[in-house]
N, C-alpha and C. Protein backbone atom coordinates (compact mmCIF):
# COMPACT_ATOMS: atom_id res chain seq x y z
N UNK A 1 48.81 -29.50 10.85
CA UNK A 1 49.02 -30.63 11.76
C UNK A 1 49.12 -31.92 10.95
N UNK A 2 50.12 -32.73 11.26
CA UNK A 2 50.33 -33.97 10.53
C UNK A 2 49.34 -35.04 11.00
N UNK A 3 48.68 -35.67 10.05
CA UNK A 3 47.74 -36.75 10.34
C UNK A 3 48.48 -38.07 10.14
N UNK A 4 48.21 -39.03 11.02
CA UNK A 4 48.87 -40.32 10.88
C UNK A 4 47.83 -41.42 10.76
N UNK A 5 48.25 -42.53 10.18
CA UNK A 5 47.35 -43.68 10.04
C UNK A 5 47.15 -44.40 11.38
N UNK A 6 47.92 -44.00 12.40
CA UNK A 6 47.76 -44.60 13.72
C UNK A 6 46.79 -43.81 14.60
N UNK A 7 46.18 -42.77 14.03
CA UNK A 7 45.23 -41.94 14.76
C UNK A 7 43.84 -42.13 14.16
N UNK A 8 42.86 -42.35 15.03
CA UNK A 8 41.48 -42.49 14.57
C UNK A 8 40.61 -41.48 15.29
N UNK A 9 39.60 -41.00 14.58
CA UNK A 9 38.60 -40.11 15.15
C UNK A 9 37.29 -40.89 15.14
N UNK A 10 36.61 -40.90 16.28
CA UNK A 10 35.29 -41.52 16.35
C UNK A 10 34.29 -40.46 16.80
N UNK A 11 33.28 -40.21 15.96
CA UNK A 11 32.15 -39.37 16.36
C UNK A 11 31.13 -40.29 16.99
N UNK A 12 30.78 -40.02 18.24
CA UNK A 12 29.90 -40.89 19.01
C UNK A 12 28.57 -40.20 19.26
N UNK A 13 27.52 -40.69 18.62
CA UNK A 13 26.18 -40.15 18.82
C UNK A 13 25.39 -40.97 19.82
N UNK A 14 24.22 -40.49 20.14
CA UNK A 14 23.36 -41.18 21.10
C UNK A 14 22.80 -42.46 20.52
N UNK A 15 22.26 -42.40 19.32
CA UNK A 15 21.57 -43.53 18.72
C UNK A 15 20.08 -43.28 18.70
N UNK A 16 19.41 -43.93 17.81
CA UNK A 16 17.97 -43.75 17.65
C UNK A 16 17.37 -45.01 17.07
N UNK A 17 16.08 -45.17 17.26
CA UNK A 17 15.38 -46.29 16.63
C UNK A 17 14.83 -45.89 15.27
N UNK A 18 15.09 -44.64 14.85
CA UNK A 18 14.66 -44.16 13.54
C UNK A 18 15.77 -44.44 12.54
N UNK A 19 15.45 -45.22 11.54
CA UNK A 19 16.43 -45.55 10.51
C UNK A 19 16.93 -44.29 9.83
N UNK A 20 18.24 -44.18 9.68
CA UNK A 20 18.84 -43.02 9.01
C UNK A 20 19.06 -41.81 9.90
N UNK A 21 18.78 -41.94 11.20
CA UNK A 21 18.92 -40.81 12.11
C UNK A 21 20.36 -40.29 12.20
N UNK A 22 21.32 -41.14 11.97
CA UNK A 22 22.73 -40.74 12.07
C UNK A 22 23.31 -40.24 10.75
N UNK A 23 22.48 -40.07 9.76
CA UNK A 23 22.95 -39.69 8.42
C UNK A 23 23.76 -38.39 8.44
N UNK A 24 23.30 -37.37 9.15
CA UNK A 24 24.03 -36.10 9.17
C UNK A 24 25.38 -36.26 9.87
N UNK A 25 25.43 -37.00 10.97
CA UNK A 25 26.70 -37.24 11.65
C UNK A 25 27.66 -37.99 10.72
N UNK A 26 27.14 -38.95 9.97
CA UNK A 26 27.98 -39.69 9.02
C UNK A 26 28.55 -38.75 7.96
N UNK A 27 27.73 -37.82 7.50
CA UNK A 27 28.20 -36.84 6.50
C UNK A 27 29.29 -35.95 7.07
N UNK A 28 29.16 -35.57 8.35
CA UNK A 28 30.21 -34.78 9.00
C UNK A 28 31.50 -35.59 9.04
N UNK A 29 31.42 -36.86 9.37
CA UNK A 29 32.61 -37.71 9.39
C UNK A 29 33.30 -37.78 8.03
N UNK A 30 32.52 -37.93 7.00
CA UNK A 30 33.08 -37.97 5.64
C UNK A 30 33.77 -36.66 5.30
N UNK A 31 33.12 -35.54 5.63
CA UNK A 31 33.70 -34.23 5.34
C UNK A 31 34.98 -33.98 6.14
N UNK A 32 35.05 -34.49 7.39
CA UNK A 32 36.28 -34.34 8.17
C UNK A 32 37.46 -34.99 7.45
N UNK A 33 37.21 -36.19 6.91
CA UNK A 33 38.27 -36.88 6.16
C UNK A 33 38.66 -36.08 4.92
N UNK A 34 37.67 -35.64 4.17
CA UNK A 34 37.93 -34.91 2.92
C UNK A 34 38.62 -33.56 3.17
N UNK A 35 38.10 -32.83 4.13
CA UNK A 35 38.55 -31.45 4.33
C UNK A 35 39.85 -31.35 5.12
N UNK A 36 40.06 -32.26 6.08
CA UNK A 36 41.22 -32.13 6.97
C UNK A 36 42.21 -33.28 6.87
N UNK A 37 41.93 -34.27 6.03
CA UNK A 37 42.89 -35.32 5.76
C UNK A 37 43.09 -36.37 6.84
N UNK A 38 42.12 -36.53 7.72
CA UNK A 38 42.24 -37.60 8.71
C UNK A 38 42.22 -38.95 7.99
N UNK A 39 43.10 -39.85 8.42
CA UNK A 39 43.18 -41.16 7.77
C UNK A 39 41.99 -42.04 8.15
N UNK A 40 41.52 -41.89 9.38
CA UNK A 40 40.47 -42.78 9.87
C UNK A 40 39.44 -41.97 10.66
N UNK A 41 38.24 -41.87 10.12
CA UNK A 41 37.13 -41.22 10.83
C UNK A 41 35.95 -42.18 10.79
N UNK A 42 35.43 -42.50 11.96
CA UNK A 42 34.30 -43.41 12.06
C UNK A 42 33.18 -42.74 12.85
N UNK A 43 31.97 -43.21 12.66
CA UNK A 43 30.83 -42.75 13.44
C UNK A 43 30.13 -43.95 14.04
N UNK A 44 29.52 -43.73 15.20
CA UNK A 44 28.81 -44.82 15.86
C UNK A 44 27.82 -44.27 16.86
N UNK A 45 27.06 -45.17 17.46
CA UNK A 45 26.03 -44.80 18.43
C UNK A 45 26.26 -45.52 19.74
N UNK A 46 25.78 -44.90 20.81
CA UNK A 46 25.84 -45.54 22.12
C UNK A 46 24.82 -46.67 22.22
N UNK A 47 23.65 -46.46 21.59
CA UNK A 47 22.59 -47.46 21.72
C UNK A 47 21.69 -47.42 20.49
N UNK A 48 20.72 -48.30 20.51
CA UNK A 48 19.70 -48.44 19.47
C UNK A 48 20.36 -48.89 18.17
N UNK A 49 20.01 -48.27 17.03
CA UNK A 49 20.55 -48.74 15.76
C UNK A 49 22.05 -48.47 15.69
N UNK A 50 22.78 -49.39 15.11
CA UNK A 50 24.23 -49.34 15.09
C UNK A 50 24.80 -48.55 13.95
N UNK A 51 26.09 -48.64 13.76
CA UNK A 51 27.01 -49.48 14.55
C UNK A 51 27.22 -48.89 15.94
N UNK A 52 27.60 -49.77 16.84
CA UNK A 52 27.81 -49.38 18.23
C UNK A 52 29.29 -49.11 18.49
N UNK A 53 29.55 -48.35 19.56
CA UNK A 53 30.92 -47.95 19.89
C UNK A 53 31.90 -49.12 20.00
N UNK A 54 31.61 -50.18 20.76
CA UNK A 54 32.63 -51.24 20.90
C UNK A 54 33.11 -51.82 19.57
N UNK A 55 32.19 -52.08 18.65
CA UNK A 55 32.62 -52.66 17.37
C UNK A 55 33.41 -51.67 16.53
N UNK A 56 33.04 -50.40 16.56
CA UNK A 56 33.76 -49.38 15.79
C UNK A 56 35.15 -49.17 16.38
N UNK A 57 35.24 -49.10 17.70
CA UNK A 57 36.53 -48.96 18.37
C UNK A 57 37.46 -50.10 17.97
N UNK A 58 36.96 -51.32 18.08
CA UNK A 58 37.79 -52.49 17.76
C UNK A 58 38.17 -52.53 16.28
N UNK A 59 37.31 -52.05 15.41
CA UNK A 59 37.65 -51.97 13.98
C UNK A 59 38.80 -50.99 13.77
N UNK A 60 38.78 -49.86 14.47
CA UNK A 60 39.86 -48.88 14.35
C UNK A 60 41.19 -49.49 14.81
N UNK A 61 41.15 -50.20 15.93
CA UNK A 61 42.36 -50.85 16.44
C UNK A 61 42.87 -51.88 15.43
N UNK A 62 41.96 -52.67 14.85
CA UNK A 62 42.34 -53.69 13.87
C UNK A 62 42.97 -53.05 12.63
N UNK A 63 42.58 -51.79 12.35
CA UNK A 63 43.15 -51.08 11.18
C UNK A 63 44.43 -50.33 11.53
N UNK A 64 44.91 -50.51 12.76
CA UNK A 64 46.20 -49.94 13.13
C UNK A 64 46.16 -48.71 14.01
N UNK A 65 45.00 -48.29 14.48
CA UNK A 65 44.92 -47.11 15.33
C UNK A 65 45.58 -47.37 16.68
N UNK A 66 46.45 -46.47 17.10
CA UNK A 66 47.09 -46.55 18.40
C UNK A 66 46.70 -45.37 19.28
N UNK A 67 46.02 -44.38 18.67
CA UNK A 67 45.44 -43.25 19.40
C UNK A 67 44.05 -43.04 18.84
N UNK A 68 43.04 -43.04 19.71
CA UNK A 68 41.66 -42.86 19.28
C UNK A 68 41.07 -41.67 20.02
N UNK A 69 40.63 -40.69 19.24
CA UNK A 69 40.00 -39.50 19.79
C UNK A 69 38.51 -39.64 19.60
N UNK A 70 37.77 -39.65 20.70
CA UNK A 70 36.32 -39.80 20.66
C UNK A 70 35.69 -38.43 20.89
N UNK A 71 34.90 -37.99 19.93
CA UNK A 71 34.18 -36.73 20.04
C UNK A 71 32.69 -37.05 20.23
N UNK A 72 32.15 -36.73 21.41
CA UNK A 72 30.72 -36.97 21.62
C UNK A 72 29.90 -36.01 20.75
N UNK A 73 29.10 -36.57 19.88
CA UNK A 73 28.27 -35.78 18.97
C UNK A 73 26.97 -35.43 19.69
N UNK A 74 27.11 -34.65 20.76
CA UNK A 74 26.01 -34.26 21.64
C UNK A 74 26.08 -32.74 21.81
N UNK A 75 24.94 -32.08 21.87
CA UNK A 75 24.93 -30.65 22.15
C UNK A 75 25.07 -30.36 23.64
N UNK A 76 24.30 -31.04 24.46
CA UNK A 76 24.21 -30.69 25.87
C UNK A 76 24.91 -31.71 26.76
N UNK A 77 25.43 -31.22 27.88
CA UNK A 77 26.01 -32.11 28.87
C UNK A 77 24.89 -32.83 29.60
N UNK A 78 25.16 -34.03 29.99
CA UNK A 78 24.19 -34.82 30.73
C UNK A 78 24.89 -36.07 31.23
N UNK A 79 24.12 -37.00 31.73
CA UNK A 79 24.69 -38.21 32.33
C UNK A 79 25.56 -39.00 31.34
N UNK A 80 25.15 -39.04 30.08
CA UNK A 80 25.97 -39.77 29.10
C UNK A 80 27.37 -39.16 29.02
N UNK A 81 27.46 -37.83 29.05
CA UNK A 81 28.76 -37.17 28.91
C UNK A 81 29.60 -37.21 30.17
N UNK A 82 28.97 -37.12 31.32
CA UNK A 82 29.77 -37.07 32.55
C UNK A 82 30.05 -38.45 33.13
N UNK A 83 29.30 -39.48 32.73
CA UNK A 83 29.52 -40.79 33.32
C UNK A 83 29.53 -41.93 32.30
N UNK A 84 28.46 -42.07 31.53
CA UNK A 84 28.31 -43.24 30.66
C UNK A 84 29.43 -43.36 29.62
N UNK A 85 29.71 -42.27 28.93
CA UNK A 85 30.74 -42.33 27.88
C UNK A 85 32.14 -42.52 28.48
N UNK A 86 32.53 -41.74 29.51
CA UNK A 86 33.85 -42.00 30.10
C UNK A 86 34.00 -43.44 30.60
N UNK A 87 32.95 -44.00 31.21
CA UNK A 87 33.03 -45.40 31.67
C UNK A 87 33.22 -46.35 30.48
N UNK A 88 32.49 -46.11 29.40
CA UNK A 88 32.59 -46.97 28.22
C UNK A 88 34.02 -46.93 27.66
N UNK A 89 34.61 -45.73 27.62
CA UNK A 89 35.97 -45.59 27.11
C UNK A 89 36.98 -46.23 28.06
N UNK A 90 36.77 -46.10 29.36
CA UNK A 90 37.68 -46.73 30.32
C UNK A 90 37.65 -48.25 30.21
N UNK A 91 36.46 -48.81 29.97
CA UNK A 91 36.36 -50.26 29.77
C UNK A 91 37.21 -50.69 28.59
N UNK A 92 37.11 -49.96 27.47
CA UNK A 92 37.92 -50.30 26.29
C UNK A 92 39.40 -50.10 26.59
N UNK A 93 39.71 -49.09 27.40
CA UNK A 93 41.10 -48.86 27.78
C UNK A 93 41.70 -50.02 28.55
N UNK A 94 40.89 -50.66 29.39
CA UNK A 94 41.37 -51.84 30.12
C UNK A 94 41.59 -53.01 29.17
N UNK A 95 40.73 -53.13 28.17
CA UNK A 95 40.86 -54.21 27.19
C UNK A 95 42.04 -54.00 26.25
N UNK A 96 42.34 -52.72 25.95
CA UNK A 96 43.38 -52.37 24.98
C UNK A 96 44.36 -51.40 25.61
N UNK A 97 45.23 -51.88 26.52
CA UNK A 97 46.14 -50.99 27.25
C UNK A 97 47.17 -50.28 26.38
N UNK A 98 47.41 -50.77 25.16
CA UNK A 98 48.40 -50.14 24.28
C UNK A 98 47.81 -49.07 23.39
N UNK A 99 46.50 -48.81 23.53
CA UNK A 99 45.85 -47.81 22.70
C UNK A 99 45.51 -46.60 23.57
N UNK A 100 45.98 -45.43 23.16
CA UNK A 100 45.64 -44.19 23.86
C UNK A 100 44.23 -43.79 23.46
N UNK A 101 43.39 -43.50 24.45
CA UNK A 101 42.00 -43.12 24.19
C UNK A 101 41.78 -41.74 24.79
N UNK A 102 41.36 -40.80 23.95
CA UNK A 102 41.15 -39.43 24.38
C UNK A 102 39.67 -39.09 24.19
N UNK A 103 39.07 -38.55 25.24
CA UNK A 103 37.69 -38.10 25.17
C UNK A 103 37.69 -36.60 24.95
N UNK A 104 37.23 -36.18 23.77
CA UNK A 104 37.15 -34.76 23.46
C UNK A 104 35.88 -34.15 24.04
N UNK A 105 35.72 -32.87 23.82
CA UNK A 105 34.54 -32.15 24.29
C UNK A 105 33.36 -32.43 23.37
N UNK A 106 32.16 -32.33 23.93
CA UNK A 106 30.95 -32.43 23.12
C UNK A 106 30.80 -31.15 22.29
N UNK A 107 29.81 -31.11 21.43
CA UNK A 107 29.63 -29.95 20.55
C UNK A 107 29.32 -28.70 21.35
N UNK A 108 28.47 -28.80 22.36
CA UNK A 108 28.22 -27.70 23.29
C UNK A 108 27.96 -26.37 22.62
N UNK A 109 28.44 -25.30 23.25
CA UNK A 109 28.29 -23.97 22.68
C UNK A 109 29.48 -23.65 21.79
N UNK A 110 29.18 -23.06 20.66
CA UNK A 110 30.20 -22.54 19.76
C UNK A 110 29.54 -21.42 18.98
N UNK A 111 30.26 -20.35 18.75
CA UNK A 111 29.69 -19.22 18.02
C UNK A 111 29.14 -19.65 16.66
N UNK A 112 29.75 -20.68 16.06
CA UNK A 112 29.25 -21.20 14.79
C UNK A 112 27.83 -21.73 14.90
N UNK A 113 27.45 -22.23 16.08
CA UNK A 113 26.08 -22.72 16.28
C UNK A 113 25.07 -21.58 16.28
N UNK A 114 25.48 -20.41 16.74
CA UNK A 114 24.59 -19.24 16.72
C UNK A 114 24.22 -18.93 15.27
N UNK A 115 25.21 -18.93 14.40
CA UNK A 115 24.96 -18.67 12.97
C UNK A 115 24.09 -19.77 12.36
N UNK A 116 24.35 -21.00 12.75
CA UNK A 116 23.55 -22.11 12.23
C UNK A 116 22.09 -21.99 12.67
N UNK A 117 21.86 -21.68 13.94
CA UNK A 117 20.49 -21.54 14.42
C UNK A 117 19.79 -20.38 13.71
N UNK A 118 20.49 -19.29 13.48
CA UNK A 118 19.88 -18.17 12.72
C UNK A 118 19.50 -18.63 11.31
N UNK A 119 20.36 -19.42 10.67
CA UNK A 119 20.03 -19.94 9.34
C UNK A 119 18.78 -20.81 9.40
N UNK A 120 18.66 -21.65 10.44
CA UNK A 120 17.48 -22.50 10.59
C UNK A 120 16.22 -21.66 10.85
N UNK A 121 16.35 -20.56 11.59
CA UNK A 121 15.21 -19.66 11.81
C UNK A 121 14.74 -19.08 10.48
N UNK A 122 15.67 -18.61 9.69
CA UNK A 122 15.31 -18.00 8.40
C UNK A 122 14.65 -19.03 7.48
N UNK A 123 15.16 -20.25 7.48
CA UNK A 123 14.54 -21.32 6.67
C UNK A 123 13.12 -21.60 7.14
N UNK A 124 12.92 -21.59 8.46
CA UNK A 124 11.62 -21.94 9.04
C UNK A 124 10.53 -20.91 8.73
N UNK A 125 10.92 -19.71 8.39
CA UNK A 125 9.92 -18.68 8.11
C UNK A 125 8.96 -19.07 7.00
N UNK A 126 9.40 -19.92 6.08
CA UNK A 126 8.56 -20.36 4.97
C UNK A 126 7.93 -21.74 5.17
N UNK A 127 8.14 -22.34 6.32
CA UNK A 127 7.57 -23.67 6.58
C UNK A 127 6.09 -23.56 6.93
N UNK A 128 5.32 -24.60 6.64
CA UNK A 128 3.90 -24.60 7.02
C UNK A 128 3.72 -24.88 8.52
N UNK A 129 2.54 -24.58 9.03
CA UNK A 129 2.19 -24.86 10.41
C UNK A 129 2.36 -26.36 10.69
N UNK A 130 2.92 -26.70 11.83
CA UNK A 130 3.21 -28.09 12.18
C UNK A 130 1.95 -28.96 12.22
N UNK A 131 0.80 -28.34 12.48
CA UNK A 131 -0.44 -29.12 12.55
C UNK A 131 -0.84 -29.72 11.21
N UNK A 132 -0.21 -29.29 10.12
CA UNK A 132 -0.53 -29.86 8.81
C UNK A 132 0.28 -31.11 8.50
N UNK A 133 1.27 -31.45 9.34
CA UNK A 133 2.11 -32.62 9.10
C UNK A 133 1.36 -33.91 9.39
N UNK A 134 1.55 -34.88 8.53
CA UNK A 134 1.03 -36.23 8.76
C UNK A 134 2.14 -37.03 9.44
N UNK A 135 1.84 -37.54 10.63
CA UNK A 135 2.85 -38.25 11.41
C UNK A 135 2.58 -39.74 11.42
N UNK A 136 3.67 -40.52 11.44
CA UNK A 136 3.55 -41.96 11.62
C UNK A 136 3.44 -42.23 13.11
N UNK A 137 2.76 -43.28 13.48
CA UNK A 137 2.63 -43.64 14.89
C UNK A 137 3.91 -44.23 15.44
N UNK A 138 4.02 -44.26 16.78
CA UNK A 138 5.22 -44.83 17.42
C UNK A 138 5.41 -46.30 17.07
N UNK A 139 4.33 -46.99 16.70
CA UNK A 139 4.47 -48.40 16.34
C UNK A 139 5.30 -48.57 15.06
N UNK A 140 5.48 -47.48 14.31
CA UNK A 140 6.33 -47.51 13.11
C UNK A 140 7.82 -47.55 13.48
N UNK A 141 8.11 -47.17 14.75
CA UNK A 141 9.49 -47.12 15.24
C UNK A 141 9.60 -48.01 16.48
N UNK A 142 9.63 -49.33 16.28
CA UNK A 142 9.63 -50.24 17.44
C UNK A 142 10.90 -50.11 18.29
N UNK A 143 10.74 -50.38 19.57
CA UNK A 143 11.88 -50.38 20.48
C UNK A 143 12.67 -51.67 20.32
N UNK A 144 13.99 -51.57 20.26
CA UNK A 144 14.80 -52.79 20.24
C UNK A 144 14.62 -53.55 21.55
N UNK A 145 14.83 -54.85 21.56
CA UNK A 145 14.71 -55.63 22.80
C UNK A 145 15.58 -55.05 23.91
N UNK A 146 15.00 -54.93 25.08
CA UNK A 146 15.73 -54.41 26.24
C UNK A 146 15.78 -52.91 26.36
N UNK A 147 15.30 -52.18 25.36
CA UNK A 147 15.32 -50.71 25.41
C UNK A 147 14.04 -50.20 26.04
N UNK A 148 14.13 -49.05 26.68
CA UNK A 148 12.99 -48.45 27.35
C UNK A 148 12.47 -47.26 26.55
N UNK A 149 11.20 -47.00 26.68
CA UNK A 149 10.57 -45.83 26.06
C UNK A 149 11.02 -44.58 26.80
N UNK A 150 11.16 -43.47 26.08
CA UNK A 150 11.48 -42.18 26.70
C UNK A 150 10.30 -41.75 27.56
N UNK A 151 10.59 -41.33 28.77
CA UNK A 151 9.55 -40.85 29.67
C UNK A 151 9.91 -39.42 30.07
N UNK A 152 9.06 -38.44 29.71
CA UNK A 152 9.38 -37.06 30.09
C UNK A 152 9.35 -36.89 31.61
N UNK A 153 10.22 -36.03 32.11
CA UNK A 153 10.30 -35.76 33.53
C UNK A 153 9.86 -34.32 33.77
N UNK A 154 8.74 -34.11 34.49
CA UNK A 154 8.27 -32.75 34.73
C UNK A 154 9.32 -31.94 35.48
N UNK A 155 9.41 -30.62 35.21
CA UNK A 155 10.45 -29.78 35.84
C UNK A 155 10.46 -29.86 37.36
N UNK A 156 9.27 -29.92 37.98
CA UNK A 156 9.25 -29.97 39.45
C UNK A 156 9.89 -31.24 39.99
N UNK A 157 9.83 -32.33 39.24
CA UNK A 157 10.50 -33.57 39.67
C UNK A 157 11.97 -33.55 39.30
N UNK A 158 12.30 -32.92 38.18
CA UNK A 158 13.69 -32.88 37.72
C UNK A 158 14.58 -32.13 38.69
N UNK A 159 14.06 -31.10 39.34
CA UNK A 159 14.90 -30.30 40.23
C UNK A 159 15.46 -31.12 41.39
N UNK A 160 14.78 -32.17 41.80
CA UNK A 160 15.31 -32.96 42.91
C UNK A 160 16.58 -33.71 42.54
N UNK A 161 16.88 -33.80 41.24
CA UNK A 161 18.09 -34.47 40.78
C UNK A 161 19.24 -33.50 40.54
N UNK A 162 19.02 -32.21 40.80
CA UNK A 162 20.04 -31.21 40.55
C UNK A 162 20.56 -30.67 41.89
N UNK A 163 21.70 -31.18 42.36
CA UNK A 163 22.22 -30.72 43.65
C UNK A 163 22.69 -29.27 43.61
N UNK A 164 22.90 -28.70 42.42
CA UNK A 164 23.35 -27.31 42.31
C UNK A 164 22.18 -26.34 42.34
N UNK A 165 20.95 -26.81 42.30
CA UNK A 165 19.77 -25.97 42.33
C UNK A 165 19.65 -25.34 43.72
N UNK A 166 19.65 -23.98 43.81
CA UNK A 166 19.59 -23.34 45.13
C UNK A 166 18.27 -23.58 45.85
N UNK A 167 17.21 -23.97 45.14
CA UNK A 167 15.92 -24.23 45.76
C UNK A 167 15.79 -25.69 46.18
N UNK A 168 16.81 -26.47 45.98
CA UNK A 168 16.79 -27.90 46.27
C UNK A 168 16.89 -28.18 47.74
């Protein structure tokens, strides 16, 4: 497949308040360029530590991208994939009507992930018990202004948000 300088790939992750959390996604972006010859591959986050999607998108356009393929770097489907990300891309589409914006599939299920998980299982066999780890407190990872703390949702409460649940 011919790669053009008018095509950009953006890997879009969730974002984290942990410095360096996107390092692996960044490495994947670099390898995509090296291995498959894409002219422009960028990575960004929806929130928390940057760079953020709007600035990366606009940088791609400034570098000549006329088609931008956004790959959500997410394993599971959720509200970000079905609503937040498409809305974010549509907003940019209104701002940049001459740029084609394509939303690709998230990572989801792939047979390659089965092999990867098996490799992680084999690696874990030699790891020490988790109770021996020294952990930093949450105060070491401050929330950016305006961000909310993650709040777990018990399964019995979560089911009320699933209209496909037969017990709902």
